[in-house]
Protein backbone atom coordinates (compact mmCIF):
# COMPACT_ATOMS: atom_id res chain seq x y z
CA MET A 1 -167.52 97.61 -30.42
CA ARG A 2 -167.97 98.27 -26.46
CA SER A 3 -171.58 100.04 -25.94
CA PRO A 4 -171.42 103.62 -24.14
CA ALA A 5 -170.82 103.62 -20.20
CA PRO A 6 -173.54 104.39 -18.52
CA PRO A 7 -174.07 108.06 -16.87
CA ILE A 8 -172.31 108.03 -13.50
CA PRO A 9 -173.84 110.24 -10.84
CA SER A 10 -172.00 112.57 -8.80
CA LYS A 11 -171.99 110.37 -5.01
CA THR A 12 -169.29 107.98 -7.41
CA SER A 13 -167.49 110.10 -9.45
CA LEU A 14 -164.25 112.32 -8.49
CA LEU A 15 -163.41 115.52 -10.84
CA ASN A 16 -159.67 115.78 -11.75
CA THR A 17 -157.56 119.10 -12.67
CA SER A 18 -154.11 119.82 -12.87
CA ASP A 19 -154.17 121.71 -9.07
CA ILE A 20 -157.42 120.35 -7.44
CA GLU A 21 -159.69 117.76 -7.03
CA LEU A 22 -163.41 118.14 -6.95
CA TRP A 23 -164.85 115.71 -3.75
CA PRO A 24 -168.56 114.02 -3.32
CA ALA A 25 -168.81 115.57 -0.23
CA ARG A 26 -170.40 113.10 2.05
CA LEU A 27 -166.80 111.71 0.93
CA LEU A 28 -164.77 113.81 2.58
CA ARG A 29 -164.06 113.38 6.17
CA ALA A 30 -164.63 116.71 9.01
CA ARG A 31 -161.80 118.07 10.38
CA SER A 32 -164.03 120.64 12.66
CA ASN A 33 -167.83 120.78 13.97
CA ALA A 34 -167.79 123.90 10.93
CA ASP A 35 -166.34 120.92 8.71
CA ALA A 36 -169.07 118.96 9.57
CA ARG A 37 -172.26 121.76 8.38
CA ILE A 38 -170.21 122.12 5.63
CA LEU A 39 -169.87 119.25 4.37
CA ALA A 40 -173.16 117.44 5.55
CA ARG A 41 -174.78 120.88 2.92
CA ALA A 42 -172.07 120.67 -0.21
CA ASP A 43 -172.64 118.87 -3.02
CA ARG A 44 -168.58 118.67 -3.89
CA VAL A 45 -165.67 120.23 -2.39
CA LEU A 46 -162.89 121.46 -3.73
CA ARG A 47 -159.40 119.94 -2.66
CA ARG A 48 -156.44 121.09 -3.13
CA LYS A 49 -154.07 118.41 -4.57
CA ARG A 50 -151.22 119.07 -2.91
CA ASP A 51 -151.72 119.40 0.45
CA GLY A 52 -155.32 118.10 1.12
CA ARG A 53 -156.22 121.88 1.90
CA TYR A 54 -160.66 122.50 1.68
CA LEU A 55 -160.91 125.50 -0.64
CA ALA A 56 -164.77 125.80 -1.36
CA ALA A 57 -167.68 123.25 -0.56
CA LEU A 58 -170.46 123.99 -3.82
CA LEU A 59 -173.88 124.08 -2.06
CA PRO A 60 -176.82 124.37 -4.38
CA HIS A 61 -177.12 127.97 -3.88
CA GLY A 62 -173.60 128.58 -4.65
CA VAL A 63 -169.41 128.64 -4.21
CA LEU A 64 -168.86 129.10 -0.73
CA PRO A 65 -165.01 129.42 0.17
CA LEU A 66 -163.55 128.02 2.40
CA VAL A 67 -160.09 130.35 2.14
CA PRO A 68 -159.07 133.31 1.69
CA ARG A 69 -158.94 135.42 -1.62
CA LEU A 70 -159.87 131.48 -3.16
CA MET A 71 -160.19 133.45 -6.66
CA ARG A 72 -156.22 133.52 -6.85
CA GLU A 73 -155.71 129.84 -6.24
CA SER A 74 -153.93 128.39 -8.19
CA GLY A 75 -156.23 126.45 -10.58
CA ILE A 76 -159.36 127.72 -9.33
CA ASP A 77 -160.81 128.65 -12.75
CA ALA A 78 -160.37 124.88 -14.37
CA ALA A 79 -162.06 123.33 -10.72
CA LEU A 80 -164.99 125.95 -10.92
CA ASP A 81 -165.32 125.24 -14.86
CA ALA A 82 -165.07 121.38 -14.36
CA ALA A 83 -168.02 121.68 -11.59
CA ASP A 84 -169.99 123.84 -14.43
CA ALA A 85 -169.31 121.49 -17.15
CA PHE A 86 -170.80 118.18 -14.37
CA ASP A 87 -174.59 118.33 -15.04
CA ASP A 88 -176.13 115.60 -12.60
CA ARG A 89 -179.36 116.32 -14.81
CA ARG A 90 -178.02 114.31 -17.77
CA GLY A 91 -175.18 112.37 -15.15
CA PHE A 92 -171.70 112.31 -16.41
CA ASP A 93 -169.63 109.32 -19.17
CA ILE A 94 -166.28 108.85 -17.26
CA ASP A 95 -165.56 107.35 -19.75
CA SER A 96 -164.79 109.58 -22.48
CA SER A 97 -163.62 112.65 -19.95
CA GLY A 98 -160.45 112.63 -21.41
CA GLU A 99 -156.95 112.88 -19.80
CA LEU A 100 -155.16 115.96 -17.70
CA PRO A 101 -152.35 117.83 -19.78
CA LEU A 102 -148.78 117.37 -18.87
CA ASP A 103 -147.14 120.70 -19.31
CA ARG A 104 -147.38 121.02 -15.65
CA LEU A 105 -145.96 117.99 -14.45
CA GLN A 106 -143.18 118.26 -17.01
CA GLN A 107 -142.42 122.02 -15.74
CA ARG A 108 -142.05 120.78 -12.20
CA LEU A 109 -139.50 117.76 -13.27
CA HIS A 110 -137.51 119.97 -14.64
CA ALA A 111 -137.28 121.92 -11.85
CA LEU A 112 -136.36 118.51 -10.36
CA GLY A 113 -133.37 117.98 -12.98
CA LEU A 114 -135.23 115.82 -14.70
CA ASP A 115 -135.74 115.38 -18.28
CA GLY A 116 -137.24 112.37 -21.13
CA SER A 117 -133.62 110.30 -20.27
CA TYR A 118 -135.53 108.84 -17.41
CA GLY A 119 -138.48 107.38 -19.09
CA ASP A 120 -135.71 106.52 -21.90
CA ARG A 121 -133.64 105.13 -19.30
CA THR A 122 -135.99 103.02 -17.71
CA GLY A 123 -138.56 101.93 -20.58
CA LEU A 124 -141.02 104.01 -18.30
CA ALA A 125 -143.62 106.13 -19.75
CA LEU A 126 -145.31 109.35 -18.66
CA ILE A 127 -148.56 108.29 -17.05
CA ALA A 128 -151.11 111.34 -17.97
CA GLU A 129 -154.13 111.90 -15.25
CA PRO A 130 -158.09 111.23 -16.03
CA ARG A 131 -160.78 114.25 -15.56
CA ALA A 132 -162.71 111.72 -13.98
CA LEU A 133 -162.25 108.38 -11.90
CA ALA A 134 -165.47 106.35 -10.34
CA LEU A 135 -165.59 105.20 -6.71
CA ALA A 136 -164.71 101.54 -6.58
CA GLY A 137 -165.10 101.28 -2.87
CA TYR A 138 -162.24 101.82 -0.47
CA ASP A 139 -159.35 100.48 0.59
CA ARG A 140 -158.18 98.16 3.48
CA TYR A 141 -157.57 101.44 5.35
CA ARG A 142 -161.50 102.53 4.68
CA ARG A 143 -160.08 105.35 2.36
CA PRO A 144 -162.27 105.86 -1.25
CA LEU A 145 -160.72 103.77 -3.80
CA TRP A 146 -161.18 105.41 -7.11
CA LEU A 147 -160.21 104.16 -10.41
CA THR A 148 -161.23 104.84 -13.83
CA LEU A 149 -165.00 103.36 -14.77
CA ALA A 150 -163.66 100.41 -16.90
CA THR A 151 -161.55 99.20 -13.97
CA ALA A 152 -163.31 99.59 -11.70
CA ARG A 153 -166.08 97.44 -12.80
CA ALA A 154 -163.54 94.68 -13.70
CA TRP A 155 -162.07 94.69 -10.08
CA ASN A 156 -165.28 94.91 -8.45
CA ALA A 157 -166.34 92.14 -10.53
CA MET A 158 -163.04 89.88 -10.27
CA ARG A 159 -163.16 90.32 -6.20
CA HIS A 160 -166.54 89.11 -6.42
CA SER A 161 -165.11 86.23 -8.11
CA ALA A 162 -162.50 85.40 -6.07
CA ALA A 163 -164.92 85.80 -3.06
CA LYS A 164 -166.65 83.14 -4.41
CA ASP A 165 -163.54 80.49 -4.64
CA GLY A 166 -163.24 81.82 -0.36
CA VAL A 167 -160.61 84.02 -1.36
CA VAL A 168 -160.14 87.81 -0.34
CA LEU A 169 -158.81 90.33 -2.19
CA ASP A 170 -157.73 93.70 -0.09
CA ALA A 171 -157.31 96.34 -2.54
CA ILE A 172 -154.48 98.87 -0.81
CA SER A 173 -154.60 101.76 -3.07
CA GLY A 174 -155.28 102.61 -6.64
CA TYR A 175 -155.30 105.68 -7.89
CA ARG A 176 -152.37 108.35 -6.77
CA SER A 177 -152.25 111.55 -7.88
CA HIS A 178 -148.92 113.78 -9.24
CA ASP A 179 -148.95 115.59 -6.75
CA TYR A 180 -148.88 112.73 -4.40
CA GLN A 181 -145.29 111.39 -6.11
CA LEU A 182 -144.63 115.08 -5.96
CA GLY A 183 -145.10 115.60 -2.23
CA ILE A 184 -143.15 112.97 -1.39
CA PHE A 185 -139.87 114.05 -3.20
CA ASP A 186 -140.58 117.47 -1.48
CA ARG A 187 -140.59 115.77 1.92
CA LYS A 188 -136.85 113.90 1.31
CA LEU A 189 -135.42 116.38 -0.54
CA ALA A 190 -136.46 119.11 2.62
CA ARG A 191 -135.18 116.36 4.87
CA GLY A 192 -131.19 116.17 3.02
CA GLN A 193 -131.64 113.60 0.18
CA THR A 194 -130.44 114.36 -3.45
CA VAL A 195 -132.59 113.39 -6.72
CA GLN A 196 -130.92 110.48 -6.89
CA GLN A 197 -130.99 108.98 -3.48
CA ILE A 198 -134.89 109.01 -4.10
CA LEU A 199 -135.28 107.66 -7.54
CA GLY A 200 -133.49 104.67 -5.91
CA VAL A 201 -136.81 104.54 -3.53
CA ASN A 202 -139.41 105.72 -5.32
CA ALA A 203 -140.82 106.19 -9.21
CA ALA A 204 -140.13 110.10 -10.82
CA PRO A 205 -143.22 111.17 -10.69
CA GLY A 206 -145.56 110.77 -13.72
CA TYR A 207 -143.99 107.36 -14.09
CA SER A 208 -146.10 105.55 -11.56
CA GLU A 209 -149.14 103.34 -13.02
CA HIS A 210 -151.10 104.26 -10.03
CA HIS A 211 -151.41 108.25 -11.83
CA SER A 212 -153.59 106.31 -15.01
CA GLY A 213 -156.31 105.81 -12.42
CA ARG A 214 -156.15 101.51 -13.76
CA ALA A 215 -153.52 100.09 -10.92
CA LEU A 216 -153.77 98.61 -7.83
CA ASP A 217 -151.78 97.41 -5.02
CA ILE A 218 -154.03 94.06 -4.40
CA GLY A 219 -152.77 91.92 -0.57
CA ALA A 220 -155.05 89.63 1.47
CA PRO A 221 -155.88 90.15 5.38
CA GLY A 222 -153.26 89.68 7.58
CA GLU A 223 -150.69 90.15 5.11
CA PRO A 224 -148.43 93.74 5.31
CA PRO A 225 -149.15 95.29 2.34
CA ALA A 226 -146.19 95.76 -0.79
CA GLU A 227 -144.06 92.97 0.45
CA GLU A 228 -142.57 89.95 -1.46
CA SER A 229 -144.39 87.92 1.07
CA PHE A 230 -147.88 88.53 -0.32
CA GLU A 231 -146.59 85.55 -3.21
CA ALA A 232 -147.26 82.91 -0.65
CA THR A 233 -150.97 83.53 -0.02
CA ALA A 234 -154.25 82.43 -1.74
CA ALA A 235 -155.30 85.68 -2.87
CA PHE A 236 -151.47 85.68 -5.24
CA GLY A 237 -152.87 82.10 -6.26
CA TRP A 238 -155.78 83.39 -7.69
CA LEU A 239 -154.73 86.05 -8.80
CA ASN A 240 -152.19 84.31 -11.08
CA ARG A 241 -154.89 81.67 -12.43
CA HIS A 242 -157.07 84.54 -13.03
CA ALA A 243 -156.98 87.89 -12.67
CA ALA A 244 -156.26 87.41 -17.45
CA GLU A 245 -159.54 86.81 -17.25
CA PHE A 246 -160.72 90.08 -16.36
CA GLY A 247 -158.31 91.98 -17.82
CA PHE A 248 -155.25 92.68 -15.13
CA VAL A 249 -151.47 91.80 -15.27
CA MET A 250 -149.00 91.53 -13.16
CA SER A 251 -146.87 95.37 -13.96
CA TYR A 252 -143.48 93.80 -12.51
CA PRO A 253 -142.82 90.56 -12.40
CA ARG A 254 -139.30 88.97 -11.46
CA GLY A 255 -136.69 90.41 -13.85
CA ASN A 256 -139.08 93.33 -15.31
CA PRO A 257 -137.12 95.21 -18.35
CA HIS A 258 -137.66 98.22 -15.99
CA GLY A 259 -135.42 97.25 -12.93
CA ILE A 260 -138.71 97.80 -10.70
CA VAL A 261 -138.03 95.20 -7.84
CA TYR A 262 -141.00 92.54 -8.02
CA GLU A 263 -144.08 93.55 -6.88
CA PRO A 264 -146.17 90.38 -7.10
CA TRP A 265 -149.49 92.87 -5.08
CA HIS A 266 -148.86 95.81 -8.06
CA TRP A 267 -151.73 94.90 -11.17
CA ARG A 268 -152.98 96.56 -13.75
CA TYR A 269 -156.21 96.43 -15.84
CA ALA A 270 -154.57 96.53 -19.56
CA THR A 271 -157.59 96.15 -21.65
CA ALA A 272 -158.58 98.83 -23.38
């Protein structure tokens, strides 16, 4: 039986709710001098998932609203409850944090005219978001890389093993929220595209493995991201030989049953 995960300190975990993420303040970029002063004092910042807006800062002495009428924000009660449940004195077991409910996502999919037939047709499962994620380092663009705790550990072990063999594995992206994918659809719909046109290029919100926090897009230095040419790199060759040793599988090989194009860069941690 796998031993329990050790507690994760506040500074390396992302708390997740359906509408709002609770970020460690030190990992957020200040967008103004006022932001910089607040982030320097805050433990966490409540960040709206839909557009990245900073909603409130959690200071040692209480909550500092950063928007008017904070308590009218959608999902604010759930976010504050998550903050209250997090106890820095005893840490937080990310692996036992569970997943968010899918009800809100299903409502939004229905509004797009998408139902269970999409999953039936593609063989893809609807994927819930984790309630908490661990900081696994940074991606190619110096953005925090969020993954489940087990995936973060496996990724870093695999990356270090590759480095010993002289191979650099470059993280392109990890966890993405449902709102991230919904935002892609909203922007394309606003430009006049239909849902069916968008589905020809983008997976429906909720059906991406990235939502689970267990999937990574991997690249190699000097190579463009998410291109088939990745299969000609030393990094891909190393992954083909060794990724399974660390619990990773390539999700979308050629001829996969989901009808998704060949993605040699996309790998999923498949060990429970």
